PDB file of N, CA and C in Angstrom:
ATOM      1  N   UNK A   1       0.757  -1.381  -0.017  1.00  0.00           N
ATOM      2  CA  UNK A   1      -0.221  -0.027  -0.136  1.00  0.00           C
ATOM      3  C   UNK A   1       0.941   0.985  -0.016  1.00  0.00           C
ATOM      4  N   UNK A   2       0.636   2.288  -0.988  1.00  0.00           N
ATOM      5  CA  UNK A   2       1.649   3.516  -1.067  1.00  0.00           C
ATOM      6  C   UNK A   2       0.784   4.727  -0.330  1.00  0.00           C
ATOM      7  N   UNK A   3       1.581   5.280   0.532  1.00  0.00           N
ATOM      8  CA  UNK A   3       1.255   6.333   1.461  1.00  0.00           C
ATOM      9  C   UNK A   3       2.147   7.239   0.715  1.00  0.00           C
ATOM     10  N   UNK A   4       1.705   8.553   0.122  1.00  0.00           N
ATOM     11  CA  UNK A   4       3.239   9.447  -0.411  1.00  0.00           C
ATOM     12  C   UNK A   4       3.847   8.722  -1.027  1.00  0.00           C
ATOM     13  N   UNK A   5       5.070   8.850  -0.612  1.00  0.00           N
ATOM     14  CA  UNK A   5       6.226   8.417  -0.917  1.00  0.00           C
ATOM     15  C   UNK A   5       6.686   6.975  -0.331  1.00  0.00           C
ATOM     16  N   UNK A   6       5.968   6.763   0.428  1.00  0.00           N
ATOM     17  CA  UNK A   6       6.602   5.457   1.066  1.00  0.00           C
ATOM     18  C   UNK A   6       5.632   4.441   0.886  1.00  0.00           C
ATOM     19  N   UNK A   7       5.953   3.040   1.436  1.00  0.00           N
ATOM     20  CA  UNK A   7       5.203   1.917   1.005  1.00  0.00           C
ATOM     21  C   UNK A   7       5.364   1.286   2.194  1.00  0.00           C
ATOM     22  N   UNK A   8       4.090   0.662   3.008  1.00  0.00           N
ATOM     23  CA  UNK A   8       3.764  -0.032   3.790  1.00  0.00           C
ATOM     24  C   UNK A   8       3.878  -1.216   3.707  1.00  0.00           C
ATOM     25  N   UNK A   9       4.878  -2.237   4.407  1.00  0.00           N
ATOM     26  CA  UNK A   9       4.817  -3.421   4.155  1.00  0.00           C
ATOM     27  C   UNK A   9       3.879  -4.273   5.037  1.00  0.00           C
ATOM     28  N   UNK A  10       3.148  -5.507   4.630  1.00  0.00           N
ATOM     29  CA  UNK A  10       2.274  -6.031   5.469  1.00  0.00           C
ATOM     30  C   UNK A  10       2.172  -7.606   4.648  1.00  0.00           C
ATOM     31  N   UNK A  11       2.127  -8.497   5.165  1.00  0.00           N
ATOM     32  CA  UNK A  11       2.446  -8.810   6.644  1.00  0.00           C
ATOM     33  C   UNK A  11       3.636  -8.699   7.213  1.00  0.00           C
ATOM     34  N   UNK A  12       3.917  -8.270   8.499  1.00  0.00           N
ATOM     35  CA  UNK A  12       5.293  -8.079   8.749  1.00  0.00           C
ATOM     36  C   UNK A  12       5.798  -9.452   9.306  1.00  0.00           C
ATOM     37  N   UNK A  13       7.261  -9.472   9.064  1.00  0.00           N
ATOM     38  CA  UNK A  13       7.561 -10.836   9.264  1.00  0.00           C
ATOM     39  C   UNK A  13       8.724 -10.881  10.553  1.00  0.00           C
ATOM     40  N   UNK A  14       9.247 -11.795  11.066  1.00  0.00           N
ATOM     41  CA  UNK A  14      10.098 -11.763  11.976  1.00  0.00           C
ATOM     42  C   UNK A  14      11.859 -11.547  11.369  1.00  0.00           C
ATOM     43  N   UNK A  15      11.880 -11.365  10.052  1.00  0.00           N
ATOM     44  CA  UNK A  15      13.189 -11.127   9.472  1.00  0.00           C
ATOM     45  C   UNK A  15      13.486  -9.655  10.074  1.00  0.00           C
ATOM     46  N   UNK A  16      14.792  -9.374   9.836  1.00  0.00           N
ATOM     47  CA  UNK A  16      15.336  -8.406  10.221  1.00  0.00           C
ATOM     48  C   UNK A  16      14.935  -7.426   8.517  1.00  0.00           C
ATOM     49  N   UNK A  17      14.641  -6.363   9.153  1.00  0.00           N
ATOM     50  CA  UNK A  17      14.155  -5.218   7.859  1.00  0.00           C
ATOM     51  C   UNK A  17      15.093  -4.109   7.796  1.00  0.00           C
ATOM     52  N   UNK A  18      15.587  -3.477   6.934  1.00  0.00           N
ATOM     53  CA  UNK A  18      16.591  -2.457   6.484  1.00  0.00           C
ATOM     54  C   UNK A  18      15.468  -1.157   6.527  1.00  0.00           C
ATOM     55  N   UNK A  19      14.041  -1.322   6.468  1.00  0.00           N
ATOM     56  CA  UNK A  19      13.536  -0.169   6.320  1.00  0.00           C
ATOM     57  C   UNK A  19      13.298   0.646   7.486  1.00  0.00           C
ATOM     58  N   UNK A  20      12.453   1.426   7.844  1.00  0.00           N
ATOM     59  CA  UNK A  20      11.953   2.583   9.113  1.00  0.00           C
ATOM     60  C   UNK A  20      10.450   1.843   9.721  1.00  0.00           C
ATOM     61  N   UNK A  21      10.495   2.204  10.839  1.00  0.00           N
ATOM     62  CA  UNK A  21       9.178   1.390  11.585  1.00  0.00           C
ATOM     63  C   UNK A  21       8.188   2.839  11.584  1.00  0.00           C
ATOM     64  N   UNK A  22       7.087   2.879  11.797  1.00  0.00           N
ATOM     65  CA  UNK A  22       6.406   3.815  11.770  1.00  0.00           C
ATOM     66  C   UNK A  22       5.128   3.402  12.649  1.00  0.00           C
ATOM     67  N   UNK A  23       4.361   4.489  13.807  1.00  0.00           N
ATOM     68  CA  UNK A  23       3.056   3.756  14.363  1.00  0.00           C
ATOM     69  C   UNK A  23       2.086   4.630  13.238  1.00  0.00           C
ATOM     70  N   UNK A  24       0.966   3.802  12.844  1.00  0.00           N
ATOM     71  CA  UNK A  24      -0.158   4.428  12.244  1.00  0.00           C
ATOM     72  C   UNK A  24      -1.410   3.995  12.537  1.00  0.00           C
ATOM     73  N   UNK A  25      -2.293   4.641  12.345  1.00  0.00           N
ATOM     74  CA  UNK A  25      -3.911   4.330  12.528  1.00  0.00           C
ATOM     75  C   UNK A  25      -4.152   4.233  11.203  1.00  0.00           C
ATOM     76  N   UNK A  26      -5.172   3.304  10.291  1.00  0.00           N
ATOM     77  CA  UNK A  26      -5.936   3.402   9.537  1.00  0.00           C
ATOM     78  C   UNK A  26      -7.096   3.827   9.501  1.00  0.00           C
ATOM     79  N   UNK A  27      -7.600   4.822   8.334  1.00  0.00           N
ATOM     80  CA  UNK A  27      -9.035   5.351   8.627  1.00  0.00           C
ATOM     81  C   UNK A  27      -9.769   5.357   7.369  1.00  0.00           C
ATOM     82  N   UNK A  28     -10.408   4.909   7.032  1.00  0.00           N
ATOM     83  CA  UNK A  28     -11.449   4.710   5.877  1.00  0.00           C
ATOM     84  C   UNK A  28     -10.408   4.265   4.517  1.00  0.00           C
ATOM     85  N   UNK A  29      -9.792   3.325   5.200  1.00  0.00           N
ATOM     86  CA  UNK A  29      -8.947   2.787   4.069  1.00  0.00           C
ATOM     87  C   UNK A  29      -7.658   3.125   3.914  1.00  0.00           C
ATOM     88  N   UNK A  30      -7.027   4.585   4.453  1.00  0.00           N
ATOM     89  CA  UNK A  30      -5.939   5.067   4.135  1.00  0.00           C
ATOM     90  C   UNK A  30      -5.245   4.844   5.772  1.00  0.00           C
ATOM     91  N   UNK A  31      -3.763   4.845   5.469  1.00  0.00           N
ATOM     92  CA  UNK A  31      -2.788   4.744   6.511  1.00  0.00           C
ATOM     93  C   UNK A  31      -2.598   6.313   6.720  1.00  0.00           C
ATOM     94  N   UNK A  32      -2.868   6.715   8.224  1.00  0.00           N
ATOM     95  CA  UNK A  32      -2.265   8.064   8.600  1.00  0.00           C
ATOM     96  C   UNK A  32      -1.054   7.861   9.446  1.00  0.00           C
ATOM     97  N   UNK A  33      -0.001   8.311   9.304  1.00  0.00           N
ATOM     98  CA  UNK A  33       1.351   8.164  10.325  1.00  0.00           C
ATOM     99  C   UNK A  33       1.434   9.122  11.184  1.00  0.00           C
ATOM    100  N   UNK A  34       1.106   8.729  12.339  1.00  0.00           N
ATOM    101  CA  UNK A  34       1.087   9.027  13.760  1.00  0.00           C
ATOM    102  C   UNK A  34       2.431   9.677  14.660  1.00  0.00           C
ATOM    103  N   UNK A  35       3.343   8.915  14.172  1.00  0.00           N
ATOM    104  CA  UNK A  35       4.720   9.335  14.417  1.00  0.00           C
ATOM    105  C   UNK A  35       5.757   9.455  13.572  1.00  0.00           C
ATOM    106  N   UNK A  36       6.863   9.528  13.928  1.00  0.00           N
ATOM    107  CA  UNK A  36       8.208  10.303  13.068  1.00  0.00           C
ATOM    108  C   UNK A  36       8.544   8.415  12.956  1.00  0.00           C
ATOM    109  N   UNK A  37       9.515   8.270  12.416  1.00  0.00           N
ATOM    110  CA  UNK A  37      10.049   7.300  11.625  1.00  0.00           C
ATOM    111  C   UNK A  37      11.259   6.940  12.591  1.00  0.00           C
ATOM    112  N   UNK A  38      11.643   5.285  12.954  1.00  0.00           N
ATOM    113  CA  UNK A  38      12.081   4.721  14.078  1.00  0.00           C
ATOM    114  C   UNK A  38      13.009   3.882  13.607  1.00  0.00           C
ATOM    115  N   UNK A  39      14.152   3.444  13.874  1.00  0.00           N
ATOM    116  CA  UNK A  39      15.221   2.202  13.461  1.00  0.00           C
ATOM    117  C   UNK A  39      14.645   1.028  13.660  1.00  0.00           C
ATOM    118  N   UNK A  40      14.151   0.958  14.815  1.00  0.00           N
ATOM    119  CA  UNK A  40      13.681  -0.286  15.290  1.00  0.00           C
ATOM    120  C   UNK A  40      12.660  -0.892  15.855  1.00  0.00           C
ATOM    121  N   UNK A  41      11.834  -1.734  15.827  1.00  0.00           N
ATOM    122  CA  UNK A  41      10.557  -2.194  15.877  1.00  0.00           C
ATOM    123  C   UNK A  41       9.957  -1.543  17.261  1.00  0.00           C
ATOM    124  N   UNK A  42      11.128  -2.103  18.024  1.00  0.00           N
ATOM    125  CA  UNK A  42      11.119  -1.734  19.649  1.00  0.00           C
ATOM    126  C   UNK A  42      10.357  -0.440  20.033  1.00  0.00           C
ATOM    127  N   UNK A  43      11.499   0.341  19.411  1.00  0.00           N
ATOM    128  CA  UNK A  43      10.858   1.901  19.563  1.00  0.00           C
ATOM    129  C   UNK A  43       9.639   2.157  19.271  1.00  0.00           C
ATOM    130  N   UNK A  44       9.492   1.987  17.766  1.00  0.00           N
ATOM    131  CA  UNK A  44       7.966   2.391  17.602  1.00  0.00           C
ATOM    132  C   UNK A  44       6.983   1.317  18.324  1.00  0.00           C
ATOM    133  N   UNK A  45       7.214   0.501  18.768  1.00  0.00           N
ATOM    134  CA  UNK A  45       6.070  -0.301  19.747  1.00  0.00           C
ATOM    135  C   UNK A  45       5.792   0.894  20.887  1.00  0.00           C
ATOM    136  N   UNK A  46       6.880   1.077  21.378  1.00  0.00           N
ATOM    137  CA  UNK A  46       7.155   2.007  22.873  1.00  0.00           C
ATOM    138  C   UNK A  46       6.205   3.205  22.564  1.00  0.00           C
ATOM    139  N   UNK A  47       6.273   3.755  21.322  1.00  0.00           N
ATOM    140  CA  UNK A  47       5.784   4.707  21.227  1.00  0.00           C
ATOM    141  C   UNK A  47       4.155   4.539  20.768  1.00  0.00           C
ATOM    142  N   UNK A  48       3.917   3.521  20.444  1.00  0.00           N
ATOM    143  CA  UNK A  48       2.669   3.364  20.023  1.00  0.00           C
ATOM    144  C   UNK A  48       1.824   3.225  21.674  1.00  0.00           C
ATOM    145  N   UNK A  49       2.545   2.491  22.657  1.00  0.00           N
ATOM    146  CA  UNK A  49       1.898   2.751  23.890  1.00  0.00           C
ATOM    147  C   UNK A  49       1.539   3.868  24.590  1.00  0.00           C
ATOM    148  N   UNK A  50       2.473   4.744  24.205  1.00  0.00           N
ATOM    149  CA  UNK A  50       2.129   6.048  24.521  1.00  0.00           C
ATOM    150  C   UNK A  50       1.155   6.394  23.725  1.00  0.00           C
ATOM    151  N   UNK A  51       1.076   6.493  22.799  1.00  0.00           N
ATOM    152  CA  UNK A  51      -0.020   7.001  22.239  1.00  0.00           C
ATOM    153  C   UNK A  51      -1.263   6.642  22.571  1.00  0.00           C
ATOM    154  N   UNK A  52      -1.277   5.494  22.582  1.00  0.00           N
ATOM    155  CA  UNK A  52      -2.455   4.566  22.841  1.00  0.00           C
ATOM    156  C   UNK A  52      -3.274   4.946  24.621  1.00  0.00           C
ATOM    157  N   UNK A  53      -1.999   5.419  25.146  1.00  0.00           N
ATOM    158  CA  UNK A  53      -2.458   5.769  26.635  1.00  0.00           C
ATOM    159  C   UNK A  53      -2.957   7.360  26.580  1.00  0.00           C
ATOM    160  N   UNK A  54      -2.913   8.138  25.357  1.00  0.00           N
ATOM    161  CA  UNK A  54      -3.117   9.464  25.207  1.00  0.00           C
ATOM    162  C   UNK A  54      -4.309   9.690  24.754  1.00  0.00           C
ATOM    163  N   UNK A  55      -4.980   8.738  23.890  1.00  0.00           N
ATOM    164  CA  UNK A  55      -6.340   8.491  23.074  1.00  0.00           C
ATOM    165  C   UNK A  55      -7.282   7.666  24.275  1.00  0.00           C
ATOM    166  N   UNK A  56      -7.061   8.101  25.412  1.00  0.00           N
ATOM    167  CA  UNK A  56      -8.468   7.625  26.152  1.00  0.00           C
ATOM    168  C   UNK A  56      -9.841   8.074  26.118  1.00  0.00           C
ATOM    169  N   UNK A  57      -9.931   9.278  25.306  1.00  0.00           N
ATOM    170  CA  UNK A  57     -11.356   9.590  25.086  1.00  0.00           C
ATOM    171  C   UNK A  57     -11.950   9.088  23.837  1.00  0.00           C
ATOM    172  N   UNK A  58     -11.122   8.325  23.193  1.00  0.00           N
ATOM    173  CA  UNK A  58     -11.851   7.391  21.895  1.00  0.00           C
ATOM    174  C   UNK A  58     -10.976   6.377  21.722  1.00  0.00           C
ATOM    175  N   UNK A  59     -11.940   5.443  21.487  1.00  0.00           N
ATOM    176  CA  UNK A  59     -10.947   3.856  21.279  1.00  0.00           C
ATOM    177  C   UNK A  59     -10.253   3.950  19.957  1.00  0.00           C
ATOM    178  N   UNK A  60      -8.943   3.848  19.251  1.00  0.00           N
ATOM    179  CA  UNK A  60      -8.456   4.170  18.491  1.00  0.00           C
ATOM    180  C   UNK A  60      -7.660   2.571  18.283  1.00  0.00           C
ATOM    181  N   UNK A  61      -7.035   1.959  17.330  1.00  0.00           N
ATOM    182  CA  UNK A  61      -6.406   0.915  16.849  1.00  0.00           C
ATOM    183  C   UNK A  61      -5.147   1.213  15.732  1.00  0.00           C
ATOM    184  N   UNK A  62      -4.118   1.155  16.760  1.00  0.00           N
ATOM    185  CA  UNK A  62      -2.750   1.867  16.556  1.00  0.00           C
ATOM    186  C   UNK A  62      -2.152   0.561  15.900  1.00  0.00           C
ATOM    187  N   UNK A  63      -1.321   0.915  14.560  1.00  0.00           N
ATOM    188  CA  UNK A  63      -0.458  -0.462  14.416  1.00  0.00           C
ATOM    189  C   UNK A  63       1.040  -0.117  14.399  1.00  0.00           C
ATOM    190  N   UNK A  64       1.773  -1.038  14.239  1.00  0.00           N
ATOM    191  CA  UNK A  64       3.196  -0.898  14.153  1.00  0.00           C
ATOM    192  C   UNK A  64       3.607  -1.638  12.650  1.00  0.00           C
ATOM    193  N   UNK A  65       4.038  -0.636  11.688  1.00  0.00           N
ATOM    194  CA  UNK A  65       4.329  -1.192  10.525  1.00  0.00           C
ATOM    195  C   UNK A  65       5.647  -0.757   9.985  1.00  0.00           C
ATOM    196  N   UNK A  66       6.333  -1.920   8.882  1.00  0.00           N
ATOM    197  CA  UNK A  66       7.778  -1.110   8.481  1.00  0.00           C
ATOM    198  C   UNK A  66       7.410  -0.832   7.405  1.00  0.00           C
ATOM    199  N   UNK A  67       7.831   0.459   6.837  1.00  0.00           N
ATOM    200  CA  UNK A  67       8.106   0.947   5.473  1.00  0.00           C
ATOM    201  C   UNK A  67       9.677   1.273   5.025  1.00  0.00           C
ATOM    202  N   UNK A  68       9.218   1.065   3.463  1.00  0.00           N
ATOM    203  CA  UNK A  68      10.647   1.046   2.807  1.00  0.00           C
ATOM    204  C   UNK A  68      10.167   2.155   2.004  1.00  0.00           C
ATOM    205  N   UNK A  69      11.671   3.293   1.697  1.00  0.00           N
ATOM    206  CA  UNK A  69      11.409   4.648   0.959  1.00  0.00           C
ATOM    207  C   UNK A  69      11.727   3.929  -0.412  1.00  0.00           C
ATOM    208  N   UNK A  70      10.709   4.629  -1.171  1.00  0.00           N
ATOM    209  CA  UNK A  70      10.543   4.082  -2.415  1.00  0.00           C
ATOM    210  C   UNK A  70      11.552   4.682  -3.276  1.00  0.00           C
TER     211      UNK A  70
END
């Protein structure tokens, strides 16, 4: 799936990726980036936990995905 000049790679595998990681929300079939790019999945997951805590007023489903620069 292409978003701007990036590609979100799905599904994620356990292999080491050379891409960057981002926290996103999917709205109306579009991916909305909610964070900056991270070098490791662990950093992105930590940021996702922080963002989920901030969205206490509405239920959101946030994902962590690897992206590769086109």
